[in-house]
């Protein structure tokens, strides 16, 4: 399997971390090759050739039965498509596992030669994995003959924490704090909602253009209502999830966001947008609340409704836990991945 550093940031890293923590890699004898990680430009430039050389050596030694590539857009696609092509040259079955939230834009904005290469990579892959039915349908519109299956992201349930208590008015955002994730819409909505619920306080856990976020916080007069945490992981992330009353992710594009699924698994009231794979995970009014992207006023209205109604938050949280347990729990998803590998003869 090849992908980004599981100790890094982002959805692919989170998924790989679950595979590792649940022992799935060890059970299947999977070797993980890191093709990308954060660091200096030189270190990043050298890492991919090293991963390619390691794969080539393993292929020459006959030690590769499947190549499973965790793929996003842009540079990630470029790197993984070359590795997939190399494996196919040795007659090895390949799995193209798409995570890229912006893959549709990436494809539409690509020149004709790259669109042909994208379609070729999908068509020649033994199996293509999409995070949701919506992503499967998109892939089949550009390559109808591709062998696409749906495999959701797996979520591990946290151990019981009876001492954990949510903080009244605490709103949590986890992810890259940028326009695509809707952080500026959230800040505008928070400014509107605090006129009626002044105790609302937003914690932002993530990287991104934090200087632009700070400027927006100042413009909205929210200096006393927003805490920028930087990227959080481990016990710090668990604490933030435990203390939140509402989890908000007003994205414009998504695959199937791990942070949202983690919040659902912890029984949080989730407020998000119906983009990418989210509508398959969150049913409006049942497991969370959906508002259109780019609509701060509707986002503010939903924040007010959730902030005022503890019973609604509890009901949505209970629905979210049931939804994750049924569709996204690690045992369920990893059993489906086992089935994919069995179909490849691995």
C-alpha atoms as a PDB file:
ATOM      1  CA  UNK A   1       0.000   0.000   0.000  1.00  0.00           C
ATOM      2  CA  UNK A   2       1.254   3.466  -0.832  1.00  0.00           C
ATOM      3  CA  UNK A   3       0.150   6.856   0.452  1.00  0.00           C
ATOM      4  CA  UNK A   4       0.933   9.805   2.664  1.00  0.00           C
ATOM      5  CA  UNK A   5       2.670   9.559   6.024  1.00  0.00           C
ATOM      6  CA  UNK A   6       0.128   8.203   8.564  1.00  0.00           C
ATOM      7  CA  UNK A   7       1.752  10.401  11.207  1.00  0.00           C
ATOM      8  CA  UNK A   8       0.831  13.448   9.142  1.00  0.00           C
ATOM      9  CA  UNK A   9      -2.339  15.441   8.644  1.00  0.00           C
ATOM     10  CA  UNK A  10      -5.478  14.914   6.613  1.00  0.00           C
ATOM     11  CA  UNK A  11      -8.047  12.268   5.845  1.00  0.00           C
ATOM     12  CA  UNK A  12      -5.786   9.684   4.185  1.00  0.00           C
ATOM     13  CA  UNK A  13      -3.394   9.779   7.142  1.00  0.00           C
ATOM     14  CA  UNK A  14      -6.334   9.281   9.502  1.00  0.00           C
ATOM     15  CA  UNK A  15      -7.631   6.302   7.522  1.00  0.00           C
ATOM     16  CA  UNK A  16      -4.216   4.632   7.384  1.00  0.00           C
ATOM     17  CA  UNK A  17      -3.824   5.195  11.112  1.00  0.00           C
ATOM     18  CA  UNK A  18      -7.040   3.250  11.684  1.00  0.00           C
ATOM     19  CA  UNK A  19      -5.787   0.399   9.462  1.00  0.00           C
ATOM     20  CA  UNK A  20      -2.584   0.270  11.510  1.00  0.00           C
ATOM     21  CA  UNK A  21      -4.186   0.610  14.946  1.00  0.00           C
ATOM     22  CA  UNK A  22      -6.725  -2.105  14.206  1.00  0.00           C
ATOM     23  CA  UNK A  23      -3.967  -4.508  13.118  1.00  0.00           C
ATOM     24  CA  UNK A  24      -5.357  -4.855   9.598  1.00  0.00           C
ATOM     25  CA  UNK A  25      -1.982  -4.240   7.938  1.00  0.00           C
ATOM     26  CA  UNK A  26      -0.241  -6.842  10.061  1.00  0.00           C
ATOM     27  CA  UNK A  27      -2.952  -9.450   9.496  1.00  0.00           C
ATOM     28  CA  UNK A  28      -2.617  -9.123   5.717  1.00  0.00           C
ATOM     29  CA  UNK A  29       1.146  -8.731   5.549  1.00  0.00           C
ATOM     30  CA  UNK A  30       0.795  -5.293   4.004  1.00  0.00           C
ATOM     31  CA  UNK A  31       3.907  -3.180   3.652  1.00  0.00           C
ATOM     32  CA  UNK A  32       3.193   0.548   3.641  1.00  0.00           C
ATOM     33  CA  UNK A  33       5.280   2.835   1.438  1.00  0.00           C
ATOM     34  CA  UNK A  34       5.231   6.547   2.288  1.00  0.00           C
ATOM     35  CA  UNK A  35       5.266   8.581  -0.933  1.00  0.00           C
ATOM     36  CA  UNK A  36       4.579  11.987   0.628  1.00  0.00           C
ATOM     37  CA  UNK A  37       5.055  13.730   3.953  1.00  0.00           C
ATOM     38  CA  UNK A  38       5.322  17.276   5.220  1.00  0.00           C
ATOM     39  CA  UNK A  39       8.810  18.727   5.347  1.00  0.00           C
ATOM     40  CA  UNK A  40      11.307  20.700   3.322  1.00  0.00           C
ATOM     41  CA  UNK A  41      10.993  20.913  -0.449  1.00  0.00           C
ATOM     42  CA  UNK A  42      14.153  18.820  -0.843  1.00  0.00           C
ATOM     43  CA  UNK A  43      12.912  16.102   1.498  1.00  0.00           C
ATOM     44  CA  UNK A  44       9.581  15.925  -0.335  1.00  0.00           C
ATOM     45  CA  UNK A  45      11.337  15.815  -3.711  1.00  0.00           C
ATOM     46  CA  UNK A  46      13.540  12.900  -2.651  1.00  0.00           C
ATOM     47  CA  UNK A  47      10.828  10.858  -0.937  1.00  0.00           C
ATOM     48  CA  UNK A  48       8.844   9.878  -4.022  1.00  0.00           C
ATOM     49  CA  UNK A  49      11.845   8.530  -6.013  1.00  0.00           C
ATOM     50  CA  UNK A  50      12.788   6.521  -2.917  1.00  0.00           C
ATOM     51  CA  UNK A  51       9.283   5.051  -2.712  1.00  0.00           C
ATOM     52  CA  UNK A  52       9.406   4.261  -6.436  1.00  0.00           C
ATOM     53  CA  UNK A  53      12.764   2.495  -6.055  1.00  0.00           C
ATOM     54  CA  UNK A  54      11.471   0.470  -3.104  1.00  0.00           C
ATOM     55  CA  UNK A  55       8.427  -0.598  -5.095  1.00  0.00           C
ATOM     56  CA  UNK A  56      10.556  -1.500  -8.124  1.00  0.00           C
ATOM     57  CA  UNK A  57      12.879  -3.623  -5.976  1.00  0.00           C
ATOM     58  CA  UNK A  58       9.909  -5.460  -4.442  1.00  0.00           C
ATOM     59  CA  UNK A  59       8.360  -6.018  -7.879  1.00  0.00           C
ATOM     60  CA  UNK A  60      11.628  -7.368  -9.287  1.00  0.00           C
ATOM     61  CA  UNK A  61      11.870  -9.721  -6.303  1.00  0.00           C
ATOM     62  CA  UNK A  62       8.311 -10.963  -6.893  1.00  0.00           C
ATOM     63  CA  UNK A  63       7.168  -9.784  -3.458  1.00  0.00           C
ATOM     64  CA  UNK A  64       4.138  -7.732  -4.522  1.00  0.00           C
ATOM     65  CA  UNK A  65       0.768  -9.434  -4.890  1.00  0.00           C
ATOM     66  CA  UNK A  66      -1.330  -6.237  -4.918  1.00  0.00           C
ATOM     67  CA  UNK A  67      -0.550  -2.526  -5.124  1.00  0.00           C
ATOM     68  CA  UNK A  68      -3.139  -0.461  -3.253  1.00  0.00           C
ATOM     69  CA  UNK A  69      -2.719   3.290  -3.805  1.00  0.00           C
ATOM     70  CA  UNK A  70      -4.406   5.894  -1.601  1.00  0.00           C
ATOM     71  CA  UNK A  71      -5.036   8.694  -4.094  1.00  0.00           C
ATOM     72  CA  UNK A  72      -6.093  12.336  -3.793  1.00  0.00           C
ATOM     73  CA  UNK A  73      -5.816  15.024  -6.512  1.00  0.00           C
ATOM     74  CA  UNK A  74      -3.067  17.011  -8.227  1.00  0.00           C
ATOM     75  CA  UNK A  75       0.392  15.887  -7.059  1.00  0.00           C
ATOM     76  CA  UNK A  76      -1.005  12.892  -5.214  1.00  0.00           C
ATOM     77  CA  UNK A  77      -2.619  11.580  -8.399  1.00  0.00           C
ATOM     78  CA  UNK A  78       0.574  12.181 -10.384  1.00  0.00           C
ATOM     79  CA  UNK A  79       2.680  10.169  -7.934  1.00  0.00           C
ATOM     80  CA  UNK A  80       0.240   7.307  -7.423  1.00  0.00           C
ATOM     81  CA  UNK A  81      -0.681   6.948 -11.093  1.00  0.00           C
ATOM     82  CA  UNK A  82       2.990   6.349 -11.938  1.00  0.00           C
ATOM     83  CA  UNK A  83       3.329   3.733  -9.203  1.00  0.00           C
ATOM     84  CA  UNK A  84       0.131   2.035 -10.343  1.00  0.00           C
ATOM     85  CA  UNK A  85       1.391   1.972 -13.938  1.00  0.00           C
ATOM     86  CA  UNK A  86       4.686   0.439 -12.795  1.00  0.00           C
ATOM     87  CA  UNK A  87       2.863  -2.327 -10.915  1.00  0.00           C
ATOM     88  CA  UNK A  88       0.597  -3.020 -13.890  1.00  0.00           C
ATOM     89  CA  UNK A  89       3.710  -3.389 -16.048  1.00  0.00           C
ATOM     90  CA  UNK A  90       4.672  -6.336 -13.825  1.00  0.00           C
ATOM     91  CA  UNK A  91       1.177  -7.859 -14.096  1.00  0.00           C
ATOM     92  CA  UNK A  92       0.289  -7.005 -10.488  1.00  0.00           C
ATOM     93  CA  UNK A  93      -3.374  -6.284  -9.593  1.00  0.00           C
ATOM     94  CA  UNK A  94      -3.908  -2.663  -8.600  1.00  0.00           C
ATOM     95  CA  UNK A  95      -6.382  -0.806  -6.384  1.00  0.00           C
ATOM     96  CA  UNK A  96      -7.056   2.887  -7.035  1.00  0.00           C
ATOM     97  CA  UNK A  97      -8.529   4.173  -3.741  1.00  0.00           C
ATOM     98  CA  UNK A  98      -9.861   7.685  -4.294  1.00  0.00           C
ATOM     99  CA  UNK A  99      -9.984  10.165  -1.400  1.00  0.00           C
ATOM    100  CA  UNK A 100      -9.584  13.507  -3.166  1.00  0.00           C
ATOM    101  CA  UNK A 101     -12.332  15.946  -2.210  1.00  0.00           C
ATOM    102  CA  UNK A 102     -11.423  18.116  -5.210  1.00  0.00           C
ATOM    103  CA  UNK A 103     -10.992  15.296  -7.710  1.00  0.00           C
ATOM    104  CA  UNK A 104     -13.982  16.375  -9.785  1.00  0.00           C
ATOM    105  CA  UNK A 105     -12.550  19.895 -10.121  1.00  0.00           C
ATOM    106  CA  UNK A 106      -9.110  18.429 -10.737  1.00  0.00           C
ATOM    107  CA  UNK A 107     -10.449  16.356 -13.617  1.00  0.00           C
ATOM    108  CA  UNK A 108     -12.574  19.146 -15.107  1.00  0.00           C
ATOM    109  CA  UNK A 109      -9.686  21.619 -14.947  1.00  0.00           C
ATOM    110  CA  UNK A 110      -7.095  19.266 -16.415  1.00  0.00           C
ATOM    111  CA  UNK A 111      -5.850  19.564 -19.995  1.00  0.00           C
ATOM    112  CA  UNK A 112      -7.030  16.919 -22.438  1.00  0.00           C
ATOM    113  CA  UNK A 113      -3.858  14.814 -22.128  1.00  0.00           C
ATOM    114  CA  UNK A 114      -4.181  14.603 -18.337  1.00  0.00           C
ATOM    115  CA  UNK A 115      -7.883  13.760 -18.546  1.00  0.00           C
ATOM    116  CA  UNK A 116      -6.938  10.865 -20.847  1.00  0.00           C
ATOM    117  CA  UNK A 117      -4.317   9.712 -18.324  1.00  0.00           C
ATOM    118  CA  UNK A 118      -6.834   9.933 -15.456  1.00  0.00           C
ATOM    119  CA  UNK A 119      -9.351   7.860 -17.402  1.00  0.00           C
ATOM    120  CA  UNK A 120      -6.620   5.390 -18.391  1.00  0.00           C
ATOM    121  CA  UNK A 121      -5.517   4.986 -14.751  1.00  0.00           C
ATOM    122  CA  UNK A 122      -9.072   4.350 -13.614  1.00  0.00           C
ATOM    123  CA  UNK A 123      -9.850   2.005 -16.503  1.00  0.00           C
ATOM    124  CA  UNK A 124      -6.703  -0.089 -16.075  1.00  0.00           C
ATOM    125  CA  UNK A 125      -6.992  -0.451 -12.301  1.00  0.00           C
ATOM    126  CA  UNK A 126      -8.179  -3.866 -11.219  1.00  0.00           C
ATOM    127  CA  UNK A 127     -10.493  -2.218  -8.702  1.00  0.00           C
ATOM    128  CA  UNK A 128     -11.393   1.387  -7.968  1.00  0.00           C
ATOM    129  CA  UNK A 129     -12.616   2.273  -4.492  1.00  0.00           C
ATOM    130  CA  UNK A 130     -14.831   5.316  -3.924  1.00  0.00           C
ATOM    131  CA  UNK A 131     -15.825   6.705  -0.527  1.00  0.00           C
ATOM    132  CA  UNK A 132     -19.518   7.017  -1.326  1.00  0.00           C
ATOM    133  CA  UNK A 133     -22.215   6.303  -3.890  1.00  0.00           C
ATOM    134  CA  UNK A 134     -21.968   9.909  -5.109  1.00  0.00           C
ATOM    135  CA  UNK A 135     -18.253   9.545  -5.845  1.00  0.00           C
ATOM    136  CA  UNK A 136     -18.830   6.150  -7.491  1.00  0.00           C
ATOM    137  CA  UNK A 137     -21.456   7.680  -9.774  1.00  0.00           C
ATOM    138  CA  UNK A 138     -19.119  10.515 -10.754  1.00  0.00           C
ATOM    139  CA  UNK A 139     -16.288   8.123 -11.620  1.00  0.00           C
ATOM    140  CA  UNK A 140     -18.603   6.021 -13.724  1.00  0.00           C
ATOM    141  CA  UNK A 141     -19.691   9.084 -15.700  1.00  0.00           C
ATOM    142  CA  UNK A 142     -16.115   9.610 -16.910  1.00  0.00           C
ATOM    143  CA  UNK A 143     -15.104   5.934 -17.156  1.00  0.00           C
ATOM    144  CA  UNK A 144     -18.251   3.771 -17.420  1.00  0.00           C
ATOM    145  CA  UNK A 145     -16.210   0.584 -17.743  1.00  0.00           C
ATOM    146  CA  UNK A 146     -14.222   1.153 -14.525  1.00  0.00           C
ATOM    147  CA  UNK A 147     -14.721  -1.481 -11.815  1.00  0.00           C
ATOM    148  CA  UNK A 148     -15.805   0.822  -8.998  1.00  0.00           C
ATOM    149  CA  UNK A 149     -16.878  -0.283  -5.523  1.00  0.00           C
ATOM    150  CA  UNK A 150     -17.877   1.833  -2.551  1.00  0.00           C
ATOM    151  CA  UNK A 151     -15.725   1.581   0.550  1.00  0.00           C
ATOM    152  CA  UNK A 152     -16.411   4.079   3.316  1.00  0.00           C
ATOM    153  CA  UNK A 153     -13.809   5.402   5.707  1.00  0.00           C
ATOM    154  CA  UNK A 154     -13.567   3.385   8.949  1.00  0.00           C
ATOM    155  CA  UNK A 155     -14.081   4.996  12.339  1.00  0.00           C
ATOM    156  CA  UNK A 156     -12.854   3.601  15.641  1.00  0.00           C
ATOM    157  CA  UNK A 157     -15.105   4.225  18.623  1.00  0.00           C
ATOM    158  CA  UNK A 158     -13.319   5.830  21.567  1.00  0.00           C
ATOM    159  CA  UNK A 159     -13.118   4.096  24.944  1.00  0.00           C
ATOM    160  CA  UNK A 160     -15.841   5.185  27.397  1.00  0.00           C
ATOM    161  CA  UNK A 161     -15.042   8.470  29.130  1.00  0.00           C
ATOM    162  CA  UNK A 162     -17.698   8.912  31.797  1.00  0.00           C
ATOM    163  CA  UNK A 163     -15.941  11.966  33.201  1.00  0.00           C
ATOM    164  CA  UNK A 164     -16.039  13.826  29.865  1.00  0.00           C
ATOM    165  CA  UNK A 165     -18.480  16.732  29.804  1.00  0.00           C
ATOM    166  CA  UNK A 166     -19.379  19.059  26.968  1.00  0.00           C
ATOM    167  CA  UNK A 167     -18.865  22.763  27.542  1.00  0.00           C
ATOM    168  CA  UNK A 168     -22.030  24.871  27.107  1.00  0.00           C
ATOM    169  CA  UNK A 169     -21.879  26.775  23.833  1.00  0.00           C
ATOM    170  CA  UNK A 170     -18.711  25.062  22.587  1.00  0.00           C
ATOM    171  CA  UNK A 171     -18.592  24.730  18.786  1.00  0.00           C
ATOM    172  CA  UNK A 172     -15.794  22.708  17.172  1.00  0.00           C
ATOM    173  CA  UNK A 173     -14.269  22.833  13.682  1.00  0.00           C
ATOM    174  CA  UNK A 174     -11.586  20.291  12.754  1.00  0.00           C
ATOM    175  CA  UNK A 175      -9.793  20.377   9.432  1.00  0.00           C
ATOM    176  CA  UNK A 176      -7.843  22.663   7.161  1.00  0.00           C
ATOM    177  CA  UNK A 177      -9.016  26.178   7.971  1.00  0.00           C
ATOM    178  CA  UNK A 178      -9.530  27.512   4.455  1.00  0.00           C
ATOM    179  CA  UNK A 179     -12.215  28.577   2.023  1.00  0.00           C
ATOM    180  CA  UNK A 180     -12.872  25.037   0.752  1.00  0.00           C
ATOM    181  CA  UNK A 181     -13.743  23.891   4.246  1.00  0.00           C
ATOM    182  CA  UNK A 182     -16.040  26.885   4.756  1.00  0.00           C
ATOM    183  CA  UNK A 183     -14.211  28.401   7.723  1.00  0.00           C
ATOM    184  CA  UNK A 184     -14.974  31.979   6.633  1.00  0.00           C
ATOM    185  CA  UNK A 185     -18.681  31.158   6.259  1.00  0.00           C
ATOM    186  CA  UNK A 186     -18.564  29.682   9.751  1.00  0.00           C
ATOM    187  CA  UNK A 187     -17.008  32.824  11.209  1.00  0.00           C
ATOM    188  CA  UNK A 188     -19.656  34.998   9.544  1.00  0.00           C
ATOM    189  CA  UNK A 189     -22.402  32.689  10.837  1.00  0.00           C
ATOM    190  CA  UNK A 190     -20.934  32.704  14.335  1.00  0.00           C
ATOM    191  CA  UNK A 191     -20.959  36.507  14.363  1.00  0.00           C
ATOM    192  CA  UNK A 192     -24.645  36.482  13.459  1.00  0.00           C
ATOM    193  CA  UNK A 193     -25.599  33.737  15.920  1.00  0.00           C
ATOM    194  CA  UNK A 194     -23.793  35.335  18.858  1.00  0.00           C
ATOM    195  CA  UNK A 195     -26.112  38.319  18.656  1.00  0.00           C
ATOM    196  CA  UNK A 196     -28.728  36.007  20.169  1.00  0.00           C
ATOM    197  CA  UNK A 197     -26.526  33.367  21.834  1.00  0.00           C
ATOM    198  CA  UNK A 198     -23.501  35.272  23.125  1.00  0.00           C
ATOM    199  CA  UNK A 199     -22.079  32.249  24.950  1.00  0.00           C
ATOM    200  CA  UNK A 200     -21.229  30.431  21.686  1.00  0.00           C
ATOM    201  CA  UNK A 201     -17.478  29.894  21.427  1.00  0.00           C
ATOM    202  CA  UNK A 202     -15.694  28.324  18.456  1.00  0.00           C
ATOM    203  CA  UNK A 203     -12.590  26.158  18.725  1.00  0.00           C
ATOM    204  CA  UNK A 204     -10.730  25.765  15.408  1.00  0.00           C
ATOM    205  CA  UNK A 205      -8.435  22.750  15.245  1.00  0.00           C
ATOM    206  CA  UNK A 206      -6.461  22.684  12.030  1.00  0.00           C
ATOM    207  CA  UNK A 207      -3.791  24.202   9.849  1.00  0.00           C
ATOM    208  CA  UNK A 208      -4.326  26.391   6.792  1.00  0.00           C
ATOM    209  CA  UNK A 209      -4.086  30.134   6.252  1.00  0.00           C
ATOM    210  CA  UNK A 210      -4.418  31.016   9.912  1.00  0.00           C
ATOM    211  CA  UNK A 211      -3.360  34.624   9.301  1.00  0.00           C
ATOM    212  CA  UNK A 212      -6.386  35.035   7.036  1.00  0.00           C
ATOM    213  CA  UNK A 213      -8.534  33.354   9.674  1.00  0.00           C
ATOM    214  CA  UNK A 214      -7.239  35.737  12.357  1.00  0.00           C
ATOM    215  CA  UNK A 215      -8.021  38.688  10.092  1.00  0.00           C
ATOM    216  CA  UNK A 216     -11.565  37.401   9.551  1.00  0.00           C
ATOM    217  CA  UNK A 217     -12.001  36.894  13.301  1.00  0.00           C
ATOM    218  CA  UNK A 218     -11.013  40.524  13.853  1.00  0.00           C
ATOM    219  CA  UNK A 219     -13.356  41.767  11.092  1.00  0.00           C
ATOM    220  CA  UNK A 220     -16.274  39.894  12.622  1.00  0.00           C
ATOM    221  CA  UNK A 221     -15.450  41.188  16.116  1.00  0.00           C
ATOM    222  CA  UNK A 222     -14.968  37.636  17.392  1.00  0.00           C
ATOM    223  CA  UNK A 223     -11.636  37.947  19.210  1.00  0.00           C
ATOM    224  CA  UNK A 224     -13.210  36.752  22.460  1.00  0.00           C
ATOM    225  CA  UNK A 225     -15.277  34.030  20.756  1.00  0.00           C
ATOM    226  CA  UNK A 226     -12.737  32.048  18.701  1.00  0.00           C
ATOM    227  CA  UNK A 227      -9.778  29.953  19.829  1.00  0.00           C
ATOM    228  CA  UNK A 228      -7.271  28.817  17.201  1.00  0.00           C
ATOM    229  CA  UNK A 229      -5.723  25.560  18.346  1.00  0.00           C
ATOM    230  CA  UNK A 230      -3.502  24.659  15.412  1.00  0.00           C
ATOM    231  CA  UNK A 231      -3.522  21.016  14.315  1.00  0.00           C
ATOM    232  CA  UNK A 232      -4.720  18.759  17.127  1.00  0.00           C
ATOM    233  CA  UNK A 233      -4.316  15.010  17.423  1.00  0.00           C
ATOM    234  CA  UNK A 234      -4.323  12.263  20.038  1.00  0.00           C
ATOM    235  CA  UNK A 235      -5.515  13.149  23.517  1.00  0.00           C
ATOM    236  CA  UNK A 236      -5.838  16.841  22.618  1.00  0.00           C
ATOM    237  CA  UNK A 237      -8.282  16.000  19.823  1.00  0.00           C
ATOM    238  CA  UNK A 238     -10.215  13.624  22.074  1.00  0.00           C
ATOM    239  CA  UNK A 239     -10.549  16.385  24.659  1.00  0.00           C
ATOM    240  CA  UNK A 240     -11.823  18.841  22.047  1.00  0.00           C
ATOM    241  CA  UNK A 241     -14.368  16.331  20.762  1.00  0.00           C
ATOM    242  CA  UNK A 242     -15.516  15.520  24.289  1.00  0.00           C
ATOM    243  CA  UNK A 243     -16.010  19.175  25.217  1.00  0.00           C
ATOM    244  CA  UNK A 244     -17.857  20.215  22.048  1.00  0.00           C
ATOM    245  CA  UNK A 245     -21.631  20.538  21.980  1.00  0.00           C
ATOM    246  CA  UNK A 246     -21.766  21.079  18.209  1.00  0.00           C
ATOM    247  CA  UNK A 247     -19.391  19.989  15.464  1.00  0.00           C
ATOM    248  CA  UNK A 248     -19.475  22.170  12.336  1.00  0.00           C
ATOM    249  CA  UNK A 249     -17.901  21.481   8.927  1.00  0.00           C
ATOM    250  CA  UNK A 250     -19.460  23.766   6.251  1.00  0.00           C
ATOM    251  CA  UNK A 251     -17.345  22.482   3.345  1.00  0.00           C
ATOM    252  CA  UNK A 252     -17.715  23.221  -0.364  1.00  0.00           C
ATOM    253  CA  UNK A 253     -16.062  19.932  -1.434  1.00  0.00           C
ATOM    254  CA  UNK A 254     -15.488  16.698   0.467  1.00  0.00           C
ATOM    255  CA  UNK A 255     -14.736  13.040   0.066  1.00  0.00           C
ATOM    256  CA  UNK A 256     -15.955  11.531   3.335  1.00  0.00           C
ATOM    257  CA  UNK A 257     -14.440  13.631   6.131  1.00  0.00           C
ATOM    258  CA  UNK A 258     -12.894  11.623   8.943  1.00  0.00           C
ATOM    259  CA  UNK A 259     -13.247  14.453  11.468  1.00  0.00           C
ATOM    260  CA  UNK A 260     -17.000  14.493  10.906  1.00  0.00           C
ATOM    261  CA  UNK A 261     -17.266  10.716  11.314  1.00  0.00           C
ATOM    262  CA  UNK A 262     -15.191  10.902  14.505  1.00  0.00           C
ATOM    263  CA  UNK A 263     -17.529  13.562  15.895  1.00  0.00           C
ATOM    264  CA  UNK A 264     -20.542  11.410  15.000  1.00  0.00           C
ATOM    265  CA  UNK A 265     -18.981   8.391  16.714  1.00  0.00           C
ATOM    266  CA  UNK A 266     -18.715  10.500  19.879  1.00  0.00           C
ATOM    267  CA  UNK A 267     -22.376  11.461  19.805  1.00  0.00           C
ATOM    268  CA  UNK A 268     -21.983  15.065  18.763  1.00  0.00           C
ATOM    269  CA  UNK A 269     -24.609  17.137  16.984  1.00  0.00           C
ATOM    270  CA  UNK A 270     -23.106  17.589  13.516  1.00  0.00           C
ATOM    271  CA  UNK A 271     -23.814  20.598  11.318  1.00  0.00           C
ATOM    272  CA  UNK A 272     -22.413  20.243   7.803  1.00  0.00           C
ATOM    273  CA  UNK A 273     -23.104  20.568   4.076  1.00  0.00           C
ATOM    274  CA  UNK A 274     -24.489  18.035   1.548  1.00  0.00           C
ATOM    275  CA  UNK A 275     -21.349  17.720  -0.584  1.00  0.00           C
ATOM    276  CA  UNK A 276     -19.290  14.703  -1.664  1.00  0.00           C
ATOM    277  CA  UNK A 277     -20.030  11.647   0.441  1.00  0.00           C
ATOM    278  CA  UNK A 278     -21.595  13.578   3.327  1.00  0.00           C
ATOM    279  CA  UNK A 279     -25.274  13.112   2.296  1.00  0.00           C
ATOM    280  CA  UNK A 280     -24.813   9.338   2.440  1.00  0.00           C
ATOM    281  CA  UNK A 281     -23.497   9.610   6.008  1.00  0.00           C
ATOM    282  CA  UNK A 282     -25.653  12.399   7.432  1.00  0.00           C
ATOM    283  CA  UNK A 283     -29.410  12.423   6.962  1.00  0.00           C
ATOM    284  CA  UNK A 284     -30.799  15.861   7.666  1.00  0.00           C
ATOM    285  CA  UNK A 285     -32.685  15.922  10.948  1.00  0.00           C
ATOM    286  CA  UNK A 286     -31.821  12.301  11.748  1.00  0.00           C
ATOM    287  CA  UNK A 287     -28.049  12.062  12.278  1.00  0.00           C
ATOM    288  CA  UNK A 288     -27.190  15.749  11.870  1.00  0.00           C
ATOM    289  CA  UNK A 289     -28.182  18.992  10.176  1.00  0.00           C
ATOM    290  CA  UNK A 290     -27.383  19.848   6.553  1.00  0.00           C
ATOM    291  CA  UNK A 291     -27.254  23.359   5.102  1.00  0.00           C
ATOM    292  CA  UNK A 292     -26.149  24.404   1.607  1.00  0.00           C
ATOM    293  CA  UNK A 293     -22.508  25.469   1.273  1.00  0.00           C
ATOM    294  CA  UNK A 294     -21.816  29.178   1.008  1.00  0.00           C
ATOM    295  CA  UNK A 295     -24.885  30.240   3.004  1.00  0.00           C
ATOM    296  CA  UNK A 296     -23.755  31.897   6.271  1.00  0.00           C
ATOM    297  CA  UNK A 297     -27.281  33.022   7.157  1.00  0.00           C
ATOM    298  CA  UNK A 298     -28.651  29.473   6.976  1.00  0.00           C
ATOM    299  CA  UNK A 299     -25.601  28.269   8.864  1.00  0.00           C
ATOM    300  CA  UNK A 300     -26.269  30.862  11.584  1.00  0.00           C
ATOM    301  CA  UNK A 301     -29.912  29.816  11.835  1.00  0.00           C
ATOM    302  CA  UNK A 302     -28.898  26.171  12.248  1.00  0.00           C
ATOM    303  CA  UNK A 303     -26.311  27.125  14.894  1.00  0.00           C
ATOM    304  CA  UNK A 304     -29.008  28.990  16.818  1.00  0.00           C
ATOM    305  CA  UNK A 305     -31.407  26.057  16.607  1.00  0.00           C
ATOM    306  CA  UNK A 306     -28.803  23.585  17.853  1.00  0.00           C
ATOM    307  CA  UNK A 307     -27.425  25.954  20.463  1.00  0.00           C
ATOM    308  CA  UNK A 308     -30.874  26.478  21.987  1.00  0.00           C
ATOM    309  CA  UNK A 309     -32.197  22.912  21.883  1.00  0.00           C
ATOM    310  CA  UNK A 310     -30.393  20.386  24.077  1.00  0.00           C
ATOM    311  CA  UNK A 311     -32.950  17.680  23.259  1.00  0.00           C
ATOM    312  CA  UNK A 312     -32.322  18.120  19.551  1.00  0.00           C
ATOM    313  CA  UNK A 313     -28.569  17.907  20.072  1.00  0.00           C
ATOM    314  CA  UNK A 314     -28.983  14.724  22.097  1.00  0.00           C
ATOM    315  CA  UNK A 315     -31.297  13.146  19.525  1.00  0.00           C
ATOM    316  CA  UNK A 316     -28.983  13.952  16.628  1.00  0.00           C
ATOM    317  CA  UNK A 317     -25.991  12.702  18.613  1.00  0.00           C
ATOM    318  CA  UNK A 318     -27.724   9.392  19.326  1.00  0.00           C
ATOM    319  CA  UNK A 319     -28.678   9.076  15.664  1.00  0.00           C
ATOM    320  CA  UNK A 320     -25.101   9.808  14.623  1.00  0.00           C
ATOM    321  CA  UNK A 321     -23.691   7.093  16.881  1.00  0.00           C
ATOM    322  CA  UNK A 322     -26.175   4.554  15.501  1.00  0.00           C
ATOM    323  CA  UNK A 323     -25.364   5.582  11.941  1.00  0.00           C
ATOM    324  CA  UNK A 324     -21.620   5.209  12.429  1.00  0.00           C
ATOM    325  CA  UNK A 325     -22.007   1.914  14.266  1.00  0.00           C
ATOM    326  CA  UNK A 326     -24.074   0.492  11.402  1.00  0.00           C
ATOM    327  CA  UNK A 327     -22.173   1.823   8.382  1.00  0.00           C
ATOM    328  CA  UNK A 328     -18.719   3.104   9.343  1.00  0.00           C
ATOM    329  CA  UNK A 329     -17.427   1.075  12.298  1.00  0.00           C
ATOM    330  CA  UNK A 330     -13.978  -0.408  11.770  1.00  0.00           C
ATOM    331  CA  UNK A 331     -15.148  -4.041  11.872  1.00  0.00           C
ATOM    332  CA  UNK A 332     -17.724  -3.378   9.156  1.00  0.00           C
ATOM    333  CA  UNK A 333     -15.483  -1.414   6.808  1.00  0.00           C
ATOM    334  CA  UNK A 334     -12.403  -3.596   7.225  1.00  0.00           C
ATOM    335  CA  UNK A 335     -14.484  -6.705   6.534  1.00  0.00           C
ATOM    336  CA  UNK A 336     -15.556  -5.055   3.272  1.00  0.00           C
ATOM    337  CA  UNK A 337     -11.908  -4.320   2.473  1.00  0.00           C
ATOM    338  CA  UNK A 338     -11.080  -7.972   3.186  1.00  0.00           C
ATOM    339  CA  UNK A 339     -13.699  -8.892   0.604  1.00  0.00           C
ATOM    340  CA  UNK A 340     -12.084  -6.570  -1.960  1.00  0.00           C
ATOM    341  CA  UNK A 341      -8.711  -8.229  -1.420  1.00  0.00           C
ATOM    342  CA  UNK A 342     -10.219 -11.703  -1.665  1.00  0.00           C
ATOM    343  CA  UNK A 343     -11.684 -10.705  -5.040  1.00  0.00           C
ATOM    344  CA  UNK A 344      -8.173  -9.820  -6.186  1.00  0.00           C
ATOM    345  CA  UNK A 345      -6.864 -13.224  -5.130  1.00  0.00           C
ATOM    346  CA  UNK A 346      -4.801 -11.674  -2.332  1.00  0.00           C
END
